[in-house]
Amino acid sequence: YSPAFQVKENKEKERLEKRLLDELYKIFMDSDSFYYSLTYDLTNTVQRQGALG
C-alpha cells in the first residue's frame, strides 16, 4: 500500500472510533441505570442483591 493510502485508512479508522465512542457516550449518559466504579465490584454486588430480594 502507498503511504497516502495508509494515511487515509488511518484517518477513516480514527473517525470511526470517535463516532463509536461518541455513540457509546450518548447511550450511557442517557441511561438512568449505568454505574461505574474504579474501586468497587458493582456487578457482583447488584447480582447478589437481586438474588436475595
Protein backbone atom coordinates (compact mmCIF):
# COMPACT_ATOMS: atom_id res chain seq x y z
CA TYR A 1 0.00 0.00 0.00
CA SER A 2 1.12 3.53 -0.66
CA PRO A 3 1.81 5.88 2.28
CA ALA A 4 -1.07 8.13 1.16
CA PHE A 5 -3.47 5.17 1.24
CA GLN A 6 -2.32 4.21 4.74
CA VAL A 7 -2.79 7.78 6.00
CA LYS A 8 -6.32 7.88 4.54
CA GLU A 9 -7.12 4.47 6.04
CA ASN A 10 -5.83 5.57 9.47
CA LYS A 11 -7.93 8.74 9.35
CA GLU A 12 -11.03 6.71 8.48
CA LYS A 13 -10.34 4.33 11.37
CA GLU A 14 -9.88 7.26 13.76
CA ARG A 15 -13.14 8.82 12.53
CA LEU A 16 -15.00 5.54 13.04
CA GLU A 17 -13.51 5.08 16.51
CA LYS A 18 -14.52 8.61 17.52
CA ARG A 19 -18.04 8.07 16.17
CA LEU A 20 -18.41 4.81 18.10
CA LEU A 21 -17.11 6.37 21.31
CA ASP A 22 -19.49 9.31 20.88
CA GLU A 23 -22.44 6.93 20.41
CA LEU A 24 -21.47 4.85 23.45
CA TYR A 25 -21.11 8.02 25.50
CA LYS A 26 -24.63 9.10 24.47
CA ILE A 27 -26.08 5.68 25.32
CA PHE A 28 -24.53 5.62 28.78
CA MET A 29 -25.28 9.25 29.57
CA ASP A 30 -28.94 8.85 28.54
CA SER A 31 -29.31 5.78 30.75
CA ASP A 32 -30.58 6.13 34.30
CA SER A 33 -29.15 2.77 35.31
CA PHE A 34 -25.49 2.85 34.32
CA TYR A 35 -22.97 2.87 37.14
CA TYR A 36 -19.18 2.68 37.05
CA SER A 37 -16.58 2.33 39.77
CA LEU A 38 -12.81 2.05 39.55
CA THR A 39 -12.52 0.60 43.05
CA TYR A 40 -15.68 -1.41 43.71
CA ASP A 41 -17.15 -4.50 42.03
CA LEU A 42 -20.67 -3.30 41.30
CA THR A 43 -21.65 -6.26 39.11
CA ASN A 44 -21.38 -8.94 41.77
CA THR A 45 -22.93 -6.72 44.43
CA VAL A 46 -26.01 -5.99 42.30
CA GLN A 47 -26.34 -9.66 41.30
CA ARG A 48 -26.18 -10.74 44.95
CA GLN A 49 -28.79 -8.17 45.96
CA GLY A 50 -31.06 -9.39 43.15
CA ALA A 51 -30.67 -12.99 44.27
CA LEU A 52 -31.55 -12.08 47.86
CA GLY A 53 -34.58 -9.99 47.17
